[in-house]
């Protein structure tokens, strides 16, 4: 491999590189202080034996002595693909915020708080809005790991317009009084006034995370990205910096509790309120590994990869609300899956059984529910095909299955999912079973009419929201699968 010739192109007159390599060389040539960098080759491959002495020698010879690192499929997903899609590539390991002090100013108030996770230091200070905007602009979702909403989700809503107007339409600093400010947690922080000037100081934050005030930070970043950037000058934000002394596990537990407490006072969707549940992270990893699809448990979490970079088509995103409703239907309650409001679903039916399982069992549940998700997606696709203005939902052929009975169909199809079904065969099997079940659906609805009503204009819109549908599915003698 011609790695030396790529990174040091002085003596490569006899080698012709393609356009991508030339573009890489141009980018490298523009690096400031390039002599401060070291090079490492990243190999994307599922390799075995590379860590042996013989394997290491072979790679060293092949790569002209350059250091290297191998990323298998799991590391590629966890450390490269997912961060790129979710906008968390740039991690805020250490952030330095320059501050300007006025005469005899005491820039911060500090106190030590004892918690169940150990002691933490709390500092309160005003920080230039421009610095917060720059930080959020640079790191986006990487600053919101413990926040129930993503960067995109935080930029929506009327509250953001109010925040923006207070900054953009005022020349004075009322924003510092009107806004509630930010809460940032860190693993370490320091405040330094010894910079050779009485008017200068700096705040250093290690591993910062915004757990409250994300809307403020996201709106400031939005202003920073616009032509109104100048309006941030002279504006300040009240910031509470919490630095934990506890070890990582205990610190995360307290941070999670703190996030839930502070964000419980603001309007957040029921789905976002559960966004940081560890179970959902297990689902996300399992679904990607088995089906190459992305389970979105924060609103707009994959906006960077889907809309901005176009790495992933929209149909590869698993909708969290649909996924939860599918789980409820597959566990035998299609009426609740269709009728339940989001607040009720997340409060009372949020994967109750899975929370009692170990991680391996949770992964099996994710695979099971993806079978139902493929059934639901097939039904939605089918309802869009061959549109007939006189029969929009193909009622003549499928009854009300495609309009009101989606989750009832999912519930029936769940009965015919083989226990040993492989991930590779899941979608095909789900669609095959669904097609067979649909072919008998009018027969099922005719049974319901005979059993439940003397009126041929039976109200299926409400029927599919009731517990009665579960009873009828359980009692029917229909042979759903064609021989």
Protein backbone atom coordinates (compact mmCIF):
# COMPACT_ATOMS: atom_id res chain seq x y z
CA UNK A 1 0.00 0.00 0.00
CA UNK A 2 1.32 3.46 -0.92
CA UNK A 3 0.58 5.17 2.38
CA UNK A 4 3.89 7.02 2.66
CA UNK A 5 3.47 8.27 -0.88
CA UNK A 6 0.00 9.59 -0.04
CA UNK A 7 0.89 11.47 3.15
CA UNK A 8 4.31 12.68 1.94
CA UNK A 9 3.77 13.23 -1.80
CA UNK A 10 7.11 14.90 -2.58
CA UNK A 11 8.57 11.88 -4.38
CA UNK A 12 5.51 10.45 -6.13
CA UNK A 13 6.06 11.65 -9.67
CA UNK A 14 5.72 8.09 -10.99
CA UNK A 15 2.48 7.34 -9.11
CA UNK A 16 -0.94 8.50 -10.29
CA UNK A 17 -3.63 8.61 -7.62
CA UNK A 18 -7.37 8.76 -8.17
CA UNK A 19 -9.51 11.81 -7.45
CA UNK A 20 -10.47 10.78 -3.91
CA UNK A 21 -6.83 10.31 -2.89
CA UNK A 22 -5.91 13.67 -4.43
CA UNK A 23 -8.73 15.31 -2.49
CA UNK A 24 -7.43 13.69 0.70
CA UNK A 25 -3.95 15.04 -0.06
CA UNK A 26 -5.36 18.54 -0.55
CA UNK A 27 -7.14 18.33 2.81
CA UNK A 28 -3.98 17.13 4.55
CA UNK A 29 -1.96 19.96 3.01
CA UNK A 30 -4.31 22.52 4.59
CA UNK A 31 -3.94 21.19 8.14
CA UNK A 32 -2.44 23.83 10.47
CA UNK A 33 0.62 22.60 12.38
CA UNK A 34 0.53 19.30 10.50
CA UNK A 35 3.81 18.25 12.13
CA UNK A 36 1.92 17.86 15.43
CA UNK A 37 -0.18 15.01 14.00
CA UNK A 38 0.64 11.31 13.83
CA UNK A 39 -0.92 8.98 11.27
CA UNK A 40 -2.82 5.79 11.94
CA UNK A 41 -4.41 3.46 9.38
CA UNK A 42 -7.98 2.35 10.13
CA UNK A 43 -8.91 -1.04 8.66
CA UNK A 44 -12.61 -1.85 8.32
CA UNK A 45 -12.78 -5.64 8.33
CA UNK A 46 -13.85 -8.68 10.34
CA UNK A 47 -10.41 -10.20 10.81
CA UNK A 48 -9.16 -12.98 13.03
CA UNK A 49 -5.55 -13.62 13.96
CA UNK A 50 -4.50 -10.02 13.44
CA UNK A 51 -3.38 -9.72 17.07
CA UNK A 52 -0.89 -12.58 16.81
CA UNK A 53 2.80 -11.85 16.36
CA UNK A 54 2.70 -13.20 12.82
CA UNK A 55 -0.43 -11.24 11.94
CA UNK A 56 0.96 -8.02 13.38
CA UNK A 57 4.17 -8.42 11.40
CA UNK A 58 2.21 -8.94 8.18
CA UNK A 59 0.14 -5.81 8.73
CA UNK A 60 3.19 -3.74 9.65
CA UNK A 61 4.89 -4.82 6.43
CA UNK A 62 1.77 -4.19 4.32
CA UNK A 63 1.15 -0.76 5.86
CA UNK A 64 4.77 0.40 5.56
CA UNK A 65 5.27 0.53 9.33
CA UNK A 66 2.32 2.82 10.08
CA UNK A 67 0.34 2.19 13.24
CA UNK A 68 -3.03 0.64 12.57
CA UNK A 69 -6.32 -0.23 14.22
CA UNK A 70 -8.92 -2.76 13.10
CA UNK A 71 -12.63 -2.00 13.33
CA UNK A 72 -14.90 -5.04 12.99
CA UNK A 73 -18.62 -4.64 12.24
CA UNK A 74 -19.52 -3.99 15.88
CA UNK A 75 -16.88 -1.30 16.43
CA UNK A 76 -17.72 0.22 13.05
CA UNK A 77 -21.35 0.59 14.14
CA UNK A 78 -20.69 1.74 17.70
CA UNK A 79 -17.76 4.08 17.08
CA UNK A 80 -18.01 5.23 13.44
CA UNK A 81 -21.41 4.75 11.81
CA UNK A 82 -23.76 5.56 14.68
CA UNK A 83 -21.85 8.70 15.75
CA UNK A 84 -21.83 9.91 12.13
CA UNK A 85 -25.56 9.32 11.68
CA UNK A 86 -26.53 10.77 15.06
CA UNK A 87 -24.21 13.79 14.91
CA UNK A 88 -21.97 12.76 17.80
CA UNK A 89 -18.66 12.33 15.95
CA UNK A 90 -16.99 15.23 17.74
CA UNK A 91 -16.89 14.38 21.43
CA UNK A 92 -16.45 17.25 23.91
CA UNK A 93 -13.59 15.70 25.87
CA UNK A 94 -12.38 19.08 27.13
CA UNK A 95 -13.94 22.45 26.35
CA UNK A 96 -12.23 25.74 27.18
CA UNK A 97 -14.46 28.81 27.51
CA UNK A 98 -12.73 32.22 27.58
CA UNK A 99 -14.27 34.78 29.94
CA UNK A 100 -13.91 38.53 30.35
CA UNK A 101 -13.92 39.92 33.91
CA UNK A 102 -14.88 43.37 35.08
CA UNK A 103 -13.17 45.30 37.88
CA UNK A 104 -13.25 43.46 41.24
CA UNK A 105 -15.80 41.02 39.83
CA UNK A 106 -16.44 37.69 41.58
CA UNK A 107 -17.31 35.56 38.55
CA UNK A 108 -18.80 32.50 40.26
CA UNK A 109 -20.48 31.16 43.37
CA UNK A 110 -19.44 27.65 44.43
CA UNK A 111 -20.75 25.08 46.87
CA UNK A 112 -20.17 21.39 47.61
CA UNK A 113 -23.22 19.12 47.65
CA UNK A 114 -23.39 15.62 49.12
CA UNK A 115 -25.40 13.10 47.05
CA UNK A 116 -26.01 9.34 47.16
CA UNK A 117 -23.43 9.08 44.40
CA UNK A 118 -20.78 11.06 46.30
CA UNK A 119 -19.87 14.72 46.60
CA UNK A 120 -20.26 17.17 43.75
CA UNK A 121 -19.19 20.77 43.30
CA UNK A 122 -21.76 23.24 42.01
CA UNK A 123 -20.67 26.54 40.45
CA UNK A 124 -23.03 29.24 39.19
CA UNK A 125 -21.86 31.91 36.77
CA UNK A 126 -22.78 33.96 33.72
CA UNK A 127 -21.15 32.83 30.47
CA UNK A 128 -21.17 34.73 27.14
CA UNK A 129 -24.00 33.51 24.92
CA UNK A 130 -21.56 33.42 22.01
CA UNK A 131 -19.43 30.79 23.79
CA UNK A 132 -22.42 28.56 24.53
CA UNK A 133 -23.58 28.95 20.91
CA UNK A 134 -20.14 27.95 19.58
CA UNK A 135 -19.96 24.94 21.88
CA UNK A 136 -23.41 23.72 20.81
CA UNK A 137 -22.63 24.43 17.15
CA UNK A 138 -19.49 22.27 17.36
CA UNK A 139 -20.79 19.30 19.35
CA UNK A 140 -24.61 19.21 18.90
CA UNK A 141 -26.00 15.81 19.98
CA UNK A 142 -22.71 14.88 21.65
CA UNK A 143 -23.61 17.39 24.39
CA UNK A 144 -27.08 15.87 24.87
CA UNK A 145 -26.38 12.26 25.85
CA UNK A 146 -28.39 12.59 29.07
CA UNK A 147 -30.92 15.06 27.68
CA UNK A 148 -34.27 13.48 26.71
CA UNK A 149 -34.30 15.37 23.40
CA UNK A 150 -31.96 15.57 20.43
CA UNK A 151 -30.53 18.73 18.87
CA UNK A 152 -33.24 18.77 16.18
CA UNK A 153 -36.03 18.16 18.70
CA UNK A 154 -34.78 21.03 20.85
CA UNK A 155 -34.85 23.50 17.95
CA UNK A 156 -38.59 23.10 17.39
CA UNK A 157 -41.44 24.92 19.13
CA UNK A 158 -42.74 28.32 20.18
CA UNK A 159 -40.41 28.57 23.17
CA UNK A 160 -37.45 28.79 20.82
CA UNK A 161 -39.00 31.78 19.04
CA UNK A 162 -39.26 33.58 22.38
CA UNK A 163 -35.63 32.79 23.20
CA UNK A 164 -34.51 33.93 19.75
CA UNK A 165 -36.45 37.20 19.88
CA UNK A 166 -34.99 38.08 23.29
CA UNK A 167 -31.52 37.79 21.76
CA UNK A 168 -32.06 39.17 18.27
CA UNK A 169 -34.49 42.03 18.93
CA UNK A 170 -32.75 43.52 21.97
CA UNK A 171 -29.41 45.28 22.08
CA UNK A 172 -29.13 45.04 25.87
CA UNK A 173 -28.65 42.00 28.10
CA UNK A 174 -32.18 41.31 29.40
CA UNK A 175 -31.71 37.74 28.18
CA UNK A 176 -29.51 37.05 31.22
CA UNK A 177 -32.50 37.90 33.44
CA UNK A 178 -35.34 36.41 31.43
CA UNK A 179 -33.83 33.01 30.64
CA UNK A 180 -33.60 30.20 33.23
CA UNK A 181 -30.18 29.20 31.95
CA UNK A 182 -28.39 25.88 31.54
CA UNK A 183 -27.34 23.01 33.76
CA UNK A 184 -24.10 21.35 32.64
CA UNK A 185 -22.63 18.27 34.32
CA UNK A 186 -18.94 17.46 34.00
CA UNK A 187 -16.41 14.92 35.21
CA UNK A 188 -14.03 17.77 35.99
CA UNK A 189 -13.92 21.56 35.83
CA UNK A 190 -11.56 24.39 36.68
CA UNK A 191 -11.68 28.17 36.71
CA UNK A 192 -8.44 30.02 36.00
CA UNK A 193 -7.84 33.76 36.43
CA UNK A 194 -4.03 33.56 36.18
CA UNK A 195 -3.74 34.38 32.51
CA UNK A 196 -1.51 37.45 32.74
CA UNK A 197 -4.42 39.88 32.58
CA UNK A 198 -6.81 41.05 35.28
CA UNK A 199 -9.67 41.10 32.79
CA UNK A 200 -9.23 37.58 31.42
CA UNK A 201 -10.15 34.15 32.76
CA UNK A 202 -11.08 30.76 31.41
CA UNK A 203 -13.42 27.96 32.38
CA UNK A 204 -12.37 24.42 31.50
CA UNK A 205 -15.04 21.70 31.35
CA UNK A 206 -14.19 18.00 31.06
CA UNK A 207 -16.77 15.73 29.38
CA UNK A 208 -19.55 18.36 29.58
CA UNK A 209 -23.18 17.34 29.10
CA UNK A 210 -26.18 19.69 28.97
CA UNK A 211 -28.94 18.05 30.98
CA UNK A 212 -31.25 21.06 31.26
CA UNK A 213 -31.60 24.20 29.16
CA UNK A 214 -30.98 22.34 25.94
CA UNK A 215 -33.56 24.46 24.12
CA UNK A 216 -31.67 27.59 25.08
CA UNK A 217 -28.34 26.16 23.88
CA UNK A 218 -29.84 24.82 20.64
CA UNK A 219 -31.50 28.16 19.86
CA UNK A 220 -28.26 30.03 20.50
CA UNK A 221 -26.52 27.65 18.08
CA UNK A 222 -29.27 28.30 15.54
CA UNK A 223 -28.66 32.05 15.86
CA UNK A 224 -24.92 31.42 15.57
CA UNK A 225 -25.53 29.59 12.27
CA UNK A 226 -27.63 32.45 10.88
CA UNK A 227 -26.97 35.99 9.67
CA UNK A 228 -27.97 37.23 13.16
CA UNK A 229 -24.80 35.88 14.80
CA UNK A 230 -23.66 39.40 15.71
CA UNK A 231 -26.69 39.76 18.03
CA UNK A 232 -25.13 37.25 20.46
CA UNK A 233 -22.41 39.74 21.41
CA UNK A 234 -22.92 41.30 24.81
CA UNK A 235 -25.50 38.65 25.84
CA UNK A 236 -24.93 36.22 28.71
CA UNK A 237 -26.42 32.94 29.92
CA UNK A 238 -26.77 31.82 33.52
CA UNK A 239 -25.00 28.46 33.80
CA UNK A 240 -24.92 25.97 36.64
CA UNK A 241 -21.87 23.69 36.38
CA UNK A 242 -22.05 20.46 38.40
CA UNK A 243 -18.83 18.49 38.74
CA UNK A 244 -19.08 14.97 40.15
CA UNK A 245 -16.32 13.34 42.14
CA UNK A 246 -18.01 9.92 42.10
CA UNK A 247 -16.88 7.01 39.97
CA UNK A 248 -18.46 6.66 36.54
CA UNK A 249 -21.30 4.21 37.38
CA UNK A 250 -22.56 6.15 40.38
CA UNK A 251 -22.12 9.46 38.58
CA UNK A 252 -24.26 8.31 35.65
CA UNK A 253 -27.04 7.19 37.99
CA UNK A 254 -27.19 10.56 39.74
CA UNK A 255 -26.97 12.44 36.41
CA UNK A 256 -29.88 10.41 35.06
CA UNK A 257 -31.97 11.22 38.14
CA UNK A 258 -31.00 14.88 37.85
CA UNK A 259 -31.99 14.96 34.18
CA UNK A 260 -35.37 13.40 34.94
CA UNK A 261 -36.01 15.85 37.78
CA UNK A 262 -35.04 19.02 35.91
CA UNK A 263 -36.72 18.08 32.64
CA UNK A 264 -39.84 16.92 34.45
CA UNK A 265 -40.69 20.60 34.86
CA UNK A 266 -40.84 21.27 31.10
CA UNK A 267 -43.06 20.09 28.25
CA UNK A 268 -41.55 16.92 26.80
CA UNK A 269 -43.26 14.25 24.72
CA UNK A 270 -43.95 10.97 26.49
CA UNK A 271 -41.63 9.16 24.11
CA UNK A 272 -38.76 11.56 24.76
CA UNK A 273 -39.24 11.26 28.51
CA UNK A 274 -38.23 7.59 28.20
CA UNK A 275 -35.51 8.25 25.62
CA UNK A 276 -32.58 7.53 27.95
CA UNK A 277 -33.92 4.20 29.20
CA UNK A 278 -31.01 1.69 28.87
CA UNK A 279 -33.45 -0.88 27.44
CA UNK A 280 -33.90 1.27 24.33
CA UNK A 281 -30.16 1.37 23.77
CA UNK A 282 -30.16 -2.44 23.83
CA UNK A 283 -33.00 -2.45 21.31
CA UNK A 284 -31.13 0.00 19.09
CA UNK A 285 -27.94 -2.08 19.00
CA UNK A 286 -29.80 -5.36 18.51
CA UNK A 287 -32.01 -4.02 15.70
CA UNK A 288 -29.06 -2.56 13.82
CA UNK A 289 -26.94 -5.68 14.23
CA UNK A 290 -29.73 -8.03 13.10
CA UNK A 291 -31.64 -5.93 10.56
CA UNK A 292 -29.39 -2.98 9.59
CA UNK A 293 -32.16 -0.61 10.72
CA UNK A 294 -32.00 2.25 13.20
CA UNK A 295 -34.32 2.42 16.20
CA UNK A 296 -34.89 6.13 16.88
CA UNK A 297 -35.59 6.66 20.58
CA UNK A 298 -35.03 10.44 20.54
CA UNK A 299 -36.95 12.71 18.19
CA UNK A 300 -34.67 13.71 15.31
CA UNK A 301 -31.80 11.62 16.65
CA UNK A 302 -30.72 10.58 13.15
CA UNK A 303 -31.52 13.85 11.37
CA UNK A 304 -27.81 14.35 10.68
CA UNK A 305 -27.51 11.02 8.88
CA UNK A 306 -30.90 10.91 7.15
CA UNK A 307 -31.49 14.52 6.04
CA UNK A 308 -28.11 16.27 6.15
CA UNK A 309 -25.67 13.57 5.05
CA UNK A 310 -28.23 11.22 3.47
CA UNK A 311 -26.40 8.14 4.76
CA UNK A 312 -29.64 6.32 5.57
CA UNK A 313 -33.00 6.23 3.74
CA UNK A 314 -35.98 7.21 5.87
CA UNK A 315 -37.57 3.78 5.60
CA UNK A 316 -34.63 2.33 7.52
CA UNK A 317 -35.62 4.29 10.63
CA UNK A 318 -37.74 2.34 13.12
CA UNK A 319 -40.43 4.60 14.59
CA UNK A 320 -40.44 4.21 18.39
CA UNK A 321 -44.21 4.73 18.80
CA UNK A 322 -45.07 2.17 16.12
CA UNK A 323 -42.58 -0.25 17.68
CA UNK A 324 -44.19 0.08 21.12
CA UNK A 325 -47.69 -0.40 19.71
CA UNK A 326 -46.50 -3.47 17.78
CA UNK A 327 -45.09 -4.92 21.01
CA UNK A 328 -48.42 -4.40 22.78
CA UNK A 329 -50.32 -6.02 19.89
CA UNK A 330 -47.95 -8.99 19.72
CA UNK A 331 -48.42 -9.52 23.44
CA UNK A 332 -52.15 -9.95 22.86
CA UNK A 333 -53.74 -6.51 23.21
CA UNK A 334 -54.41 -5.07 19.73
CA UNK A 335 -57.23 -2.88 21.05
CA UNK A 336 -54.89 -1.04 23.40
CA UNK A 337 -52.25 -0.81 20.68
CA UNK A 338 -54.72 1.07 18.47
CA UNK A 339 -56.65 3.09 21.04
CA UNK A 340 -54.10 3.97 23.68
CA UNK A 341 -52.90 7.57 23.78
CA UNK A 342 -49.14 8.01 23.92
CA UNK A 343 -49.20 9.17 27.54
CA UNK A 344 -51.06 6.05 28.64
CA UNK A 345 -48.98 3.73 26.48
CA UNK A 346 -45.67 4.99 27.81
CA UNK A 347 -46.90 5.24 31.40
CA UNK A 348 -48.52 1.81 31.69
CA UNK A 349 -47.30 -0.37 28.82
CA UNK A 350 -43.68 0.63 28.29
CA UNK A 351 -42.05 -2.79 27.77
CA UNK A 352 -42.91 -3.88 31.30
CA UNK A 353 -41.81 -7.49 30.77
CA UNK A 354 -38.55 -6.53 29.04
CA UNK A 355 -37.44 -4.40 31.99
CA UNK A 356 -37.32 -7.60 34.07
CA UNK A 357 -35.15 -9.44 31.52
CA UNK A 358 -31.41 -9.73 31.13
CA UNK A 359 -29.76 -8.17 28.08
CA UNK A 360 -29.76 -11.38 26.03
CA UNK A 361 -33.50 -11.85 26.57
CA UNK A 362 -34.10 -8.18 25.69
CA UNK A 363 -32.30 -8.71 22.38
CA UNK A 364 -34.57 -11.68 21.64
CA UNK A 365 -37.59 -9.48 22.32
CA UNK A 366 -36.25 -6.86 19.90
CA UNK A 367 -35.97 -9.53 17.18
CA UNK A 368 -39.50 -10.76 17.96
CA UNK A 369 -40.99 -7.28 17.78
CA UNK A 370 -39.22 -6.54 14.51
CA UNK A 371 -41.26 -9.37 12.99
CA UNK A 372 -44.41 -7.49 13.98
CA UNK A 373 -42.89 -4.21 12.81
CA UNK A 374 -42.33 -5.71 9.35
CA UNK A 375 -45.98 -6.84 9.32
CA UNK A 376 -47.11 -3.29 10.15
CA UNK A 377 -44.83 -1.79 7.53
CA UNK A 378 -46.13 -4.25 4.93
CA UNK A 379 -49.71 -3.26 5.77
CA UNK A 380 -48.89 0.45 5.41
CA UNK A 381 -47.14 -0.16 2.10
CA UNK A 382 -50.04 -2.23 0.84
CA UNK A 383 -52.57 0.48 1.69
CA UNK A 384 -50.62 2.93 -0.50
CA UNK A 385 -50.48 0.62 -3.50
CA UNK A 386 -53.03 0.65 -6.34
CA UNK A 387 -55.00 3.52 -4.85
CA UNK A 388 -58.65 3.48 -5.86
CA UNK A 389 -60.64 6.63 -5.16
CA UNK A 390 -63.76 4.51 -4.69
CA UNK A 391 -62.03 1.97 -2.42
CA UNK A 392 -59.06 3.77 -0.83
CA UNK A 393 -58.20 1.05 1.69
CA UNK A 394 -59.06 -1.97 -0.52
CA UNK A 395 -62.09 -2.73 1.62
CA UNK A 396 -63.62 -5.04 -0.99
CA UNK A 397 -60.62 -7.33 -0.69
CA UNK A 398 -59.41 -6.92 2.91
CA UNK A 399 -62.34 -5.46 4.84
CA UNK A 400 -61.19 -2.84 7.33
CA UNK A 401 -57.81 -4.49 7.94
CA UNK A 402 -55.78 -1.74 6.25
CA UNK A 403 -57.78 1.16 7.68
CA UNK A 404 -58.54 0.27 11.30
CA UNK A 405 -57.28 -3.25 11.87
CA UNK A 406 -53.50 -2.95 11.46
CA UNK A 407 -52.67 -3.98 15.02
CA UNK A 408 -55.28 -6.74 15.01
CA UNK A 409 -53.54 -8.19 11.94
CA UNK A 410 -50.17 -7.86 13.72
CA UNK A 411 -51.62 -9.71 16.71
CA UNK A 412 -52.81 -12.61 14.54
CA UNK A 413 -49.53 -12.78 12.59
CA UNK A 414 -47.59 -12.96 15.86
CA UNK A 415 -49.07 -16.42 16.47
CA UNK A 416 -47.31 -17.79 13.42
CA UNK A 417 -43.81 -16.50 14.06
CA UNK A 418 -41.47 -19.52 14.35
CA UNK A 419 -39.41 -19.55 17.56
CA UNK A 420 -36.22 -20.28 15.64
CA UNK A 421 -36.80 -17.63 12.96
CA UNK A 422 -33.51 -16.12 11.81
CA UNK A 423 -33.03 -12.37 11.44
CA UNK A 424 -32.31 -12.82 7.73
CA UNK A 425 -35.68 -14.51 7.14
CA UNK A 426 -37.78 -12.32 9.44
CA UNK A 427 -39.06 -9.76 6.93
CA UNK A 428 -39.85 -12.35 4.26
CA UNK A 429 -41.69 -14.56 6.76
CA UNK A 430 -43.61 -11.62 8.22
CA UNK A 431 -44.85 -10.53 4.79
CA UNK A 432 -45.72 -14.09 3.77
CA UNK A 433 -47.79 -14.68 6.92
CA UNK A 434 -49.40 -11.24 6.64
CA UNK A 435 -50.55 -11.90 3.07
CA UNK A 436 -52.15 -15.18 4.12
CA UNK A 437 -53.87 -13.61 7.13
CA UNK A 438 -55.19 -10.74 5.00
CA UNK A 439 -56.72 -13.18 2.55
CA UNK A 440 -59.02 -14.40 5.36
CA UNK A 441 -59.72 -11.03 6.99
CA UNK A 442 -63.12 -10.40 5.43
CA UNK A 443 -64.12 -13.85 6.64
CA UNK A 444 -63.12 -12.80 10.17
CA UNK A 445 -65.06 -9.53 9.96
CA UNK A 446 -68.15 -11.35 8.70
CA UNK A 447 -67.95 -13.59 11.77
CA UNK A 448 -67.73 -10.49 13.96
CA UNK A 449 -70.82 -8.94 12.34
CA UNK A 450 -72.84 -12.13 12.80
CA UNK A 451 -71.71 -12.44 16.41
CA UNK A 452 -71.81 -8.80 17.53
CA UNK A 453 -74.43 -6.97 15.47
CA UNK A 454 -77.73 -7.19 13.66
CA UNK A 455 -76.72 -4.16 11.61
CA UNK A 456 -74.57 -4.73 8.50
CA UNK A 457 -73.04 -1.26 8.98
CA UNK A 458 -70.99 -2.44 11.94
CA UNK A 459 -68.75 0.24 13.53
CA UNK A 460 -65.31 -1.27 12.91
CA UNK A 461 -63.59 2.06 13.62
CA UNK A 462 -64.43 1.73 17.31
CA UNK A 463 -64.44 -2.07 17.36
CA UNK A 464 -60.70 -2.27 16.70
CA UNK A 465 -60.07 -0.05 19.76
CA UNK A 466 -61.84 -2.39 22.18
CA UNK A 467 -60.92 -5.49 24.17
CA UNK A 468 -63.59 -7.33 22.19
CA UNK A 469 -61.28 -7.70 19.21
CA UNK A 470 -58.87 -9.73 21.36
CA UNK A 471 -61.70 -12.05 22.44
CA UNK A 472 -62.85 -12.58 18.86
CA UNK A 473 -59.34 -13.30 17.59
CA UNK A 474 -58.87 -15.86 20.36
CA UNK A 475 -62.19 -17.59 19.70
CA UNK A 476 -62.27 -17.70 15.89
CA UNK A 477 -61.81 -21.04 14.13
CA UNK A 478 -60.44 -19.52 10.94
CA UNK A 479 -57.40 -21.28 9.47
CA UNK A 480 -55.33 -18.20 8.85
CA UNK A 481 -52.44 -19.84 7.06
CA UNK A 482 -53.03 -21.34 3.65
CA UNK A 483 -51.70 -24.85 3.25
